[in-house]
Amino acid sequence: MKPTTAVAVLIVIVTAGLGRCQGQQASGSGAGGLHPVFSATLGEVVSHQKLPVSLMKSLLDSSLVARDSAGHPYPVVSFSFGYQTTNYYQNDTTGRPQSSRTYLSFHFTGNRLDSVWRKGVSAQLKPGDVLYFDRIIARDRSGVQYLAAPLEYDIR
């Protein structure tokens, strides 16, 4: 096999694999055999929102909901959660203020954070923090799993 042919085959394989991870399949129902792309919300709040601490604390008790392009809900069976916090301190050497970021992440089965994480994040949540929900997997009645778009919330 020529090097250019090998590269072309690799590109086709990778592209086909990415389509399957995005909830797209080459066979099945729908126009052209493609399944709809899924979106997700935390409770009813969509991604890329700047939320006050008080609202985010109440949303931490909510479940994730995945929806297809027609708005039909599907149960979320697993997701990854990330919590980025920024801490400020005074540098001992320069005497100037500096910041450092800490990122915690954990994978969950089900559609919401467990009680330990809900309590821990709620106790430490402050303006400037960012919460991420990604690798959100939804499942239909026949057992087919779909990857929904990730969520990100900035705390103000």
N, C-alpha and C. Protein backbone atom coordinates (compact mmCIF):
# COMPACT_ATOMS: atom_id res chain seq x y z
N MET A 1 0.85 -1.17 0.00
CA MET A 1 0.00 0.00 0.00
C MET A 1 0.89 1.23 0.00
N LYS A 2 0.60 2.17 -0.87
CA LYS A 2 1.37 3.40 -0.94
C LYS A 2 1.11 4.25 0.30
N PRO A 3 2.07 5.07 0.70
CA PRO A 3 1.87 5.93 1.88
C PRO A 3 0.64 6.82 1.77
N THR A 4 0.37 7.37 0.59
CA THR A 4 -0.81 8.24 0.45
C THR A 4 -2.10 7.45 0.60
N THR A 5 -2.12 6.20 0.14
CA THR A 5 -3.30 5.36 0.30
C THR A 5 -3.50 5.02 1.77
N ALA A 6 -2.43 4.72 2.47
CA ALA A 6 -2.52 4.40 3.89
C ALA A 6 -3.06 5.59 4.69
N VAL A 7 -2.62 6.78 4.36
CA VAL A 7 -3.10 7.99 5.03
C VAL A 7 -4.59 8.19 4.74
N ALA A 8 -5.00 7.99 3.49
CA ALA A 8 -6.41 8.15 3.12
C ALA A 8 -7.28 7.15 3.87
N VAL A 9 -6.82 5.90 3.98
CA VAL A 9 -7.57 4.87 4.71
C VAL A 9 -7.67 5.27 6.18
N LEU A 10 -6.60 5.75 6.76
CA LEU A 10 -6.60 6.17 8.16
C LEU A 10 -7.59 7.32 8.39
N ILE A 11 -7.63 8.27 7.48
CA ILE A 11 -8.56 9.40 7.61
C ILE A 11 -10.00 8.92 7.56
N VAL A 12 -10.30 7.99 6.67
CA VAL A 12 -11.66 7.46 6.57
C VAL A 12 -12.03 6.72 7.85
N ILE A 13 -11.13 5.94 8.40
CA ILE A 13 -11.40 5.18 9.63
C ILE A 13 -11.65 6.13 10.80
N VAL A 14 -10.79 7.14 10.95
CA VAL A 14 -10.94 8.09 12.05
C VAL A 14 -12.24 8.88 11.90
N THR A 15 -12.56 9.33 10.70
CA THR A 15 -13.79 10.09 10.47
C THR A 15 -15.01 9.25 10.78
N ALA A 16 -15.02 8.00 10.37
CA ALA A 16 -16.15 7.12 10.67
C ALA A 16 -16.28 6.90 12.17
N GLY A 17 -15.17 6.76 12.86
CA GLY A 17 -15.19 6.57 14.31
C GLY A 17 -15.72 7.80 15.03
N LEU A 18 -15.36 8.99 14.58
CA LEU A 18 -15.85 10.21 15.21
C LEU A 18 -17.35 10.35 15.03
N GLY A 19 -17.85 10.00 13.88
CA GLY A 19 -19.29 10.06 13.64
C GLY A 19 -20.06 9.17 14.61
N ARG A 20 -19.55 8.00 14.90
CA ARG A 20 -20.22 7.09 15.82
C ARG A 20 -20.18 7.64 17.24
N CYS A 21 -19.09 8.28 17.64
CA CYS A 21 -19.00 8.86 18.98
C CYS A 21 -19.96 10.02 19.15
N GLN A 22 -20.34 10.68 18.09
CA GLN A 22 -21.21 11.83 18.15
C GLN A 22 -22.68 11.41 18.07
N GLY A 23 -22.98 10.12 18.12
CA GLY A 23 -24.35 9.66 18.06
C GLY A 23 -24.84 9.51 16.63
N GLN A 24 -23.94 9.52 15.67
CA GLN A 24 -24.31 9.37 14.27
C GLN A 24 -24.01 7.93 13.85
N GLN A 25 -24.93 7.30 13.16
CA GLN A 25 -24.70 5.95 12.67
C GLN A 25 -25.04 5.89 11.18
N ALA A 26 -24.38 5.00 10.48
CA ALA A 26 -24.58 4.89 9.05
C ALA A 26 -25.87 4.16 8.69
N SER A 27 -26.47 3.45 9.64
CA SER A 27 -27.72 2.77 9.34
C SER A 27 -28.73 3.08 10.42
N GLY A 28 -30.00 2.88 10.11
CA GLY A 28 -31.02 3.15 11.11
C GLY A 28 -32.09 4.05 10.52
N SER A 29 -32.86 4.67 11.41
CA SER A 29 -33.96 5.51 10.95
C SER A 29 -33.50 6.94 10.75
N GLY A 30 -34.37 7.75 10.18
CA GLY A 30 -34.07 9.16 9.99
C GLY A 30 -33.61 9.42 8.57
N ALA A 31 -33.49 10.68 8.23
CA ALA A 31 -33.09 11.08 6.89
C ALA A 31 -31.68 10.61 6.61
N GLY A 32 -31.51 9.83 5.57
CA GLY A 32 -30.18 9.35 5.20
C GLY A 32 -29.61 8.35 6.17
N GLY A 33 -30.43 7.82 7.10
CA GLY A 33 -29.94 6.83 8.05
C GLY A 33 -29.18 7.41 9.23
N LEU A 34 -29.22 8.74 9.43
CA LEU A 34 -28.50 9.35 10.54
C LEU A 34 -29.43 9.61 11.71
N HIS A 35 -28.92 9.39 12.91
CA HIS A 35 -29.67 9.69 14.13
C HIS A 35 -29.44 11.14 14.50
N PRO A 36 -30.36 11.75 15.23
CA PRO A 36 -30.20 13.15 15.60
C PRO A 36 -29.04 13.36 16.57
N VAL A 37 -28.52 14.58 16.59
CA VAL A 37 -27.48 14.98 17.53
C VAL A 37 -28.16 15.34 18.84
N PHE A 38 -27.55 14.96 19.96
CA PHE A 38 -28.15 15.18 21.27
C PHE A 38 -27.55 16.40 21.96
N SER A 39 -28.39 17.09 22.72
CA SER A 39 -27.94 18.18 23.58
C SER A 39 -28.29 17.79 25.01
N ALA A 40 -27.78 18.55 25.97
CA ALA A 40 -28.04 18.23 27.37
C ALA A 40 -28.29 19.52 28.14
N THR A 41 -28.99 19.38 29.26
CA THR A 41 -29.20 20.48 30.19
C THR A 41 -29.03 19.96 31.61
N LEU A 42 -28.70 20.84 32.51
CA LEU A 42 -28.70 20.53 33.94
C LEU A 42 -29.99 21.11 34.47
N GLY A 43 -30.92 20.23 34.85
CA GLY A 43 -32.27 20.70 35.13
C GLY A 43 -32.83 21.20 33.81
N GLU A 44 -33.15 22.46 33.73
CA GLU A 44 -33.61 23.07 32.47
C GLU A 44 -32.65 24.15 31.98
N VAL A 45 -31.44 24.21 32.56
CA VAL A 45 -30.49 25.28 32.24
C VAL A 45 -29.50 24.79 31.18
N VAL A 46 -29.44 25.52 30.07
CA VAL A 46 -28.54 25.16 28.98
C VAL A 46 -27.11 25.57 29.31
N SER A 47 -26.18 25.14 28.48
CA SER A 47 -24.75 25.36 28.70
C SER A 47 -24.35 26.80 28.44
N HIS A 48 -23.11 27.10 28.83
CA HIS A 48 -22.46 28.39 28.63
C HIS A 48 -23.23 29.54 29.27
N GLN A 49 -23.64 29.32 30.49
CA GLN A 49 -24.34 30.34 31.26
C GLN A 49 -23.42 30.86 32.37
N LYS A 50 -23.59 32.12 32.72
CA LYS A 50 -22.92 32.69 33.89
C LYS A 50 -23.99 32.75 34.97
N LEU A 51 -23.80 31.91 35.99
CA LEU A 51 -24.83 31.76 37.02
C LEU A 51 -24.33 32.23 38.37
N PRO A 52 -25.22 32.82 39.18
CA PRO A 52 -24.82 33.18 40.54
C PRO A 52 -24.64 31.92 41.38
N VAL A 53 -23.84 32.05 42.43
CA VAL A 53 -23.53 30.91 43.31
C VAL A 53 -24.81 30.29 43.84
N SER A 54 -25.76 31.11 44.28
CA SER A 54 -26.99 30.58 44.88
C SER A 54 -27.78 29.70 43.90
N LEU A 55 -27.88 30.13 42.65
CA LEU A 55 -28.60 29.33 41.65
C LEU A 55 -27.86 28.03 41.36
N MET A 56 -26.54 28.10 41.23
CA MET A 56 -25.78 26.89 40.93
C MET A 56 -25.87 25.88 42.06
N LYS A 57 -25.89 26.36 43.30
CA LYS A 57 -26.03 25.44 44.44
C LYS A 57 -27.35 24.67 44.36
N SER A 58 -28.41 25.35 43.95
CA SER A 58 -29.70 24.66 43.82
C SER A 58 -29.69 23.72 42.61
N LEU A 59 -28.98 24.09 41.54
CA LEU A 59 -28.92 23.23 40.35
C LEU A 59 -28.11 21.96 40.59
N LEU A 60 -27.20 21.98 41.56
CA LEU A 60 -26.40 20.79 41.83
C LEU A 60 -27.26 19.60 42.23
N ASP A 61 -28.46 19.85 42.74
CA ASP A 61 -29.38 18.77 43.10
C ASP A 61 -30.19 18.28 41.90
N SER A 62 -30.07 18.96 40.76
CA SER A 62 -30.83 18.60 39.56
C SER A 62 -30.16 17.45 38.81
N SER A 63 -30.93 16.84 37.95
CA SER A 63 -30.39 15.77 37.12
C SER A 63 -30.10 16.29 35.72
N LEU A 64 -29.21 15.60 35.03
CA LEU A 64 -28.91 15.91 33.63
C LEU A 64 -30.00 15.31 32.76
N VAL A 65 -30.37 16.05 31.73
CA VAL A 65 -31.37 15.57 30.77
C VAL A 65 -30.79 15.72 29.37
N ALA A 66 -30.86 14.66 28.59
CA ALA A 66 -30.42 14.70 27.19
C ALA A 66 -31.65 14.75 26.31
N ARG A 67 -31.52 15.51 25.21
CA ARG A 67 -32.64 15.62 24.27
C ARG A 67 -32.12 15.47 22.85
N ASP A 68 -32.94 14.85 22.00
CA ASP A 68 -32.58 14.76 20.59
C ASP A 68 -32.95 16.07 19.91
N SER A 69 -32.71 16.17 18.62
CA SER A 69 -32.95 17.42 17.90
C SER A 69 -34.43 17.79 17.84
N ALA A 70 -35.32 16.84 18.09
CA ALA A 70 -36.76 17.12 18.13
C ALA A 70 -37.23 17.51 19.53
N GLY A 71 -36.33 17.49 20.51
CA GLY A 71 -36.67 17.88 21.87
C GLY A 71 -37.16 16.75 22.75
N HIS A 72 -37.10 15.51 22.26
CA HIS A 72 -37.54 14.37 23.06
C HIS A 72 -36.47 14.03 24.11
N PRO A 73 -36.86 13.87 25.37
CA PRO A 73 -35.87 13.56 26.42
C PRO A 73 -35.45 12.09 26.40
N TYR A 74 -34.19 11.86 26.76
CA TYR A 74 -33.63 10.52 26.89
C TYR A 74 -32.91 10.44 28.23
N PRO A 75 -32.96 9.29 28.89
CA PRO A 75 -32.28 9.19 30.18
C PRO A 75 -30.76 9.21 30.03
N VAL A 76 -30.11 9.94 30.90
CA VAL A 76 -28.64 9.97 30.96
C VAL A 76 -28.20 8.82 31.83
N VAL A 77 -27.24 8.03 31.34
CA VAL A 77 -26.77 6.86 32.09
C VAL A 77 -25.39 7.06 32.70
N SER A 78 -24.61 8.02 32.18
CA SER A 78 -23.32 8.31 32.78
C SER A 78 -22.80 9.65 32.26
N PHE A 79 -21.85 10.22 32.99
CA PHE A 79 -21.22 11.48 32.60
C PHE A 79 -19.97 11.70 33.43
N SER A 80 -19.15 12.62 32.98
CA SER A 80 -17.98 13.05 33.75
C SER A 80 -18.25 14.47 34.23
N PHE A 81 -17.80 14.76 35.44
CA PHE A 81 -17.99 16.08 36.03
C PHE A 81 -16.63 16.67 36.34
N GLY A 82 -16.44 17.93 36.00
CA GLY A 82 -15.20 18.63 36.32
C GLY A 82 -15.49 19.92 37.05
N TYR A 83 -14.63 20.24 38.01
CA TYR A 83 -14.80 21.44 38.82
C TYR A 83 -13.47 22.17 38.84
N GLN A 84 -13.47 23.39 38.27
CA GLN A 84 -12.25 24.20 38.23
C GLN A 84 -12.42 25.37 39.19
N THR A 85 -11.49 25.50 40.10
CA THR A 85 -11.53 26.59 41.05
C THR A 85 -10.22 27.37 40.97
N THR A 86 -10.29 28.66 41.21
CA THR A 86 -9.12 29.52 41.17
C THR A 86 -8.86 30.04 42.58
N ASN A 87 -7.64 29.88 43.04
CA ASN A 87 -7.24 30.37 44.36
C ASN A 87 -6.24 31.49 44.19
N TYR A 88 -6.37 32.51 45.01
CA TYR A 88 -5.48 33.67 44.95
C TYR A 88 -4.61 33.70 46.20
N TYR A 89 -3.36 34.07 46.02
CA TYR A 89 -2.42 34.14 47.13
C TYR A 89 -1.35 35.18 46.83
N GLN A 90 -0.59 35.53 47.85
CA GLN A 90 0.51 36.47 47.66
C GLN A 90 1.81 35.68 47.54
N ASN A 91 2.53 35.93 46.45
CA ASN A 91 3.79 35.26 46.21
C ASN A 91 4.80 35.72 47.25
N ASP A 92 5.40 34.77 47.98
CA ASP A 92 6.37 35.10 49.03
C ASP A 92 7.63 35.77 48.48
N THR A 93 8.02 35.42 47.29
CA THR A 93 9.26 35.95 46.71
C THR A 93 9.08 37.35 46.16
N THR A 94 8.02 37.54 45.38
CA THR A 94 7.82 38.84 44.73
C THR A 94 6.92 39.78 45.52
N GLY A 95 6.12 39.23 46.41
CA GLY A 95 5.16 40.04 47.16
C GLY A 95 3.94 40.43 46.35
N ARG A 96 3.83 39.90 45.15
CA ARG A 96 2.71 40.23 44.26
C ARG A 96 1.61 39.17 44.36
N PRO A 97 0.38 39.59 44.12
CA PRO A 97 -0.71 38.60 44.13
C PRO A 97 -0.60 37.69 42.90
N GLN A 98 -0.91 36.43 43.11
CA GLN A 98 -0.91 35.45 42.03
C GLN A 98 -2.11 34.52 42.21
N SER A 99 -2.35 33.73 41.19
CA SER A 99 -3.45 32.77 41.26
C SER A 99 -2.99 31.41 40.78
N SER A 100 -3.70 30.40 41.25
CA SER A 100 -3.47 29.04 40.77
C SER A 100 -4.83 28.38 40.58
N ARG A 101 -4.90 27.51 39.59
CA ARG A 101 -6.15 26.81 39.31
C ARG A 101 -6.03 25.35 39.70
N THR A 102 -7.11 24.85 40.25
CA THR A 102 -7.20 23.45 40.62
C THR A 102 -8.38 22.86 39.85
N TYR A 103 -8.17 21.68 39.30
CA TYR A 103 -9.23 21.03 38.53
C TYR A 103 -9.44 19.64 39.10
N LEU A 104 -10.67 19.35 39.53
CA LEU A 104 -11.05 18.04 40.02
C LEU A 104 -12.04 17.43 39.04
N SER A 105 -11.94 16.14 38.83
CA SER A 105 -12.84 15.49 37.88
C SER A 105 -13.18 14.09 38.37
N PHE A 106 -14.39 13.64 38.05
CA PHE A 106 -14.81 12.30 38.44
C PHE A 106 -15.88 11.82 37.48
N HIS A 107 -15.93 10.53 37.25
CA HIS A 107 -16.94 9.93 36.36
C HIS A 107 -18.09 9.39 37.21
N PHE A 108 -19.32 9.64 36.77
CA PHE A 108 -20.51 9.21 37.49
C PHE A 108 -21.38 8.32 36.63
N THR A 109 -22.00 7.34 37.26
CA THR A 109 -23.01 6.51 36.62
C THR A 109 -24.36 7.06 37.08
N GLY A 110 -25.27 7.23 36.15
CA GLY A 110 -26.56 7.82 36.48
C GLY A 110 -26.68 9.20 35.87
N ASN A 111 -27.64 9.98 36.37
CA ASN A 111 -27.91 11.28 35.75
C ASN A 111 -27.66 12.47 36.67
N ARG A 112 -27.03 12.26 37.84
CA ARG A 112 -26.74 13.38 38.72
C ARG A 112 -25.54 13.08 39.61
N LEU A 113 -25.00 14.15 40.18
CA LEU A 113 -23.87 14.02 41.10
C LEU A 113 -24.33 13.27 42.34
N ASP A 114 -23.41 12.48 42.92
CA ASP A 114 -23.80 11.81 44.17
C ASP A 114 -23.78 12.83 45.31
N SER A 115 -24.33 12.44 46.47
CA SER A 115 -24.53 13.37 47.58
C SER A 115 -23.21 13.93 48.12
N VAL A 116 -22.16 13.14 48.12
CA VAL A 116 -20.86 13.60 48.62
C VAL A 116 -20.34 14.74 47.75
N TRP A 117 -20.40 14.59 46.43
CA TRP A 117 -19.94 15.63 45.53
C TRP A 117 -20.84 16.85 45.58
N ARG A 118 -22.15 16.64 45.65
CA ARG A 118 -23.08 17.79 45.73
C ARG A 118 -22.78 18.64 46.95
N LYS A 119 -22.60 17.99 48.09
CA LYS A 119 -22.32 18.73 49.33
C LYS A 119 -20.96 19.40 49.28
N GLY A 120 -19.94 18.69 48.78
CA GLY A 120 -18.59 19.24 48.73
C GLY A 120 -18.47 20.43 47.80
N VAL A 121 -19.02 20.31 46.60
CA VAL A 121 -18.95 21.42 45.64
C VAL A 121 -19.78 22.59 46.15
N SER A 122 -20.95 22.31 46.69
CA SER A 122 -21.81 23.37 47.19
C SER A 122 -21.12 24.16 48.31
N ALA A 123 -20.39 23.47 49.18
CA ALA A 123 -19.70 24.14 50.29
C ALA A 123 -18.54 25.02 49.82
N GLN A 124 -17.89 24.65 48.70
CA GLN A 124 -16.71 25.38 48.24
C GLN A 124 -16.98 26.32 47.07
N LEU A 125 -18.15 26.28 46.48
CA LEU A 125 -18.46 27.05 45.28
C LEU A 125 -18.34 28.55 45.53
N LYS A 126 -17.65 29.24 44.61
CA LYS A 126 -17.46 30.69 44.73
C LYS A 126 -17.37 31.31 43.34
N PRO A 127 -17.56 32.63 43.25
CA PRO A 127 -17.43 33.29 41.94
C PRO A 127 -16.06 33.03 41.32
N GLY A 128 -16.05 32.81 40.01
CA GLY A 128 -14.82 32.51 39.29
C GLY A 128 -14.64 31.03 39.03
N ASP A 129 -15.39 30.17 39.72
CA ASP A 129 -15.30 28.74 39.49
C ASP A 129 -16.02 28.37 38.19
N VAL A 130 -15.65 27.23 37.62
CA VAL A 130 -16.28 26.74 36.40
C VAL A 130 -16.63 25.27 36.61
N LEU A 131 -17.86 24.90 36.24
CA LEU A 131 -18.31 23.52 36.35
C LEU A 131 -18.50 22.95 34.95
N TYR A 132 -18.03 21.73 34.75
CA TYR A 132 -18.11 21.06 33.45
C TYR A 132 -18.85 19.73 33.60
N PHE A 133 -19.72 19.45 32.67
CA PHE A 133 -20.35 18.14 32.56
C PHE A 133 -20.04 17.68 31.13
N ASP A 134 -19.27 16.63 30.99
CA ASP A 134 -18.94 16.15 29.64
C ASP A 134 -19.01 14.64 29.60
N ARG A 135 -18.78 14.09 28.40
CA ARG A 135 -18.95 12.65 28.16
C ARG A 135 -20.32 12.19 28.66
N ILE A 136 -21.33 12.99 28.34
CA ILE A 136 -22.71 12.70 28.76
C ILE A 136 -23.28 11.65 27.82
N ILE A 137 -23.60 10.50 28.37
CA ILE A 137 -24.11 9.38 27.58
C ILE A 137 -25.59 9.18 27.89
N ALA A 138 -26.42 9.21 26.85
CA ALA A 138 -27.85 8.94 26.96
C ALA A 138 -28.16 7.62 26.28
N ARG A 139 -29.22 6.97 26.71
CA ARG A 139 -29.59 5.67 26.14
C ARG A 139 -31.07 5.67 25.77
N ASP A 140 -31.36 5.14 24.58
CA ASP A 140 -32.77 5.04 24.19
C ASP A 140 -33.34 3.71 24.69
N ARG A 141 -34.62 3.48 24.42
CA ARG A 141 -35.31 2.28 24.93
C ARG A 141 -34.73 0.98 24.39
N SER A 142 -34.13 1.04 23.20
CA SER A 142 -33.57 -0.18 22.62
C SER A 142 -32.14 -0.44 23.10
N GLY A 143 -31.59 0.47 23.92
CA GLY A 143 -30.25 0.27 24.47
C GLY A 143 -29.15 0.98 23.70
N VAL A 144 -29.47 1.68 22.62
CA VAL A 144 -28.47 2.41 21.85
C VAL A 144 -28.05 3.63 22.66
N GLN A 145 -26.74 3.84 22.76
CA GLN A 145 -26.21 4.96 23.52
C GLN A 145 -25.78 6.09 22.61
N TYR A 146 -25.96 7.31 23.10
CA TYR A 146 -25.62 8.51 22.34
C TYR A 146 -24.78 9.44 23.20
N LEU A 147 -23.88 10.13 22.56
CA LEU A 147 -23.05 11.12 23.24
C LEU A 147 -23.70 12.49 23.07
N ALA A 148 -24.00 13.14 24.19
CA ALA A 148 -24.61 14.47 24.14
C ALA A 148 -23.52 15.55 24.28
N ALA A 149 -23.84 16.72 23.83
CA ALA A 149 -22.90 17.84 23.90
C ALA A 149 -22.57 18.17 25.36
N PRO A 150 -21.33 18.59 25.63
CA PRO A 150 -20.94 18.91 27.01
C PRO A 150 -21.58 20.20 27.50
N LEU A 151 -21.58 20.36 28.82
CA LEU A 151 -22.10 21.57 29.46
C LEU A 151 -20.99 22.28 30.21
N GLU A 152 -21.07 23.60 30.27
CA GLU A 152 -20.10 24.40 31.01
C GLU A 152 -20.84 25.57 31.66
N TYR A 153 -20.58 25.78 32.96
CA TYR A 153 -21.23 26.86 33.68
C TYR A 153 -20.17 27.67 34.42
N ASP A 154 -20.15 28.99 34.18
CA ASP A 154 -19.26 29.91 34.89
C ASP A 154 -20.02 30.48 36.08
N ILE A 155 -19.36 30.52 37.21
CA ILE A 155 -19.99 31.03 38.43
C ILE A 155 -19.59 32.49 38.62
N ARG A 156 -20.59 33.34 38.83
CA ARG A 156 -20.30 34.77 39.04
C ARG A 156 -20.72 35.19 40.42
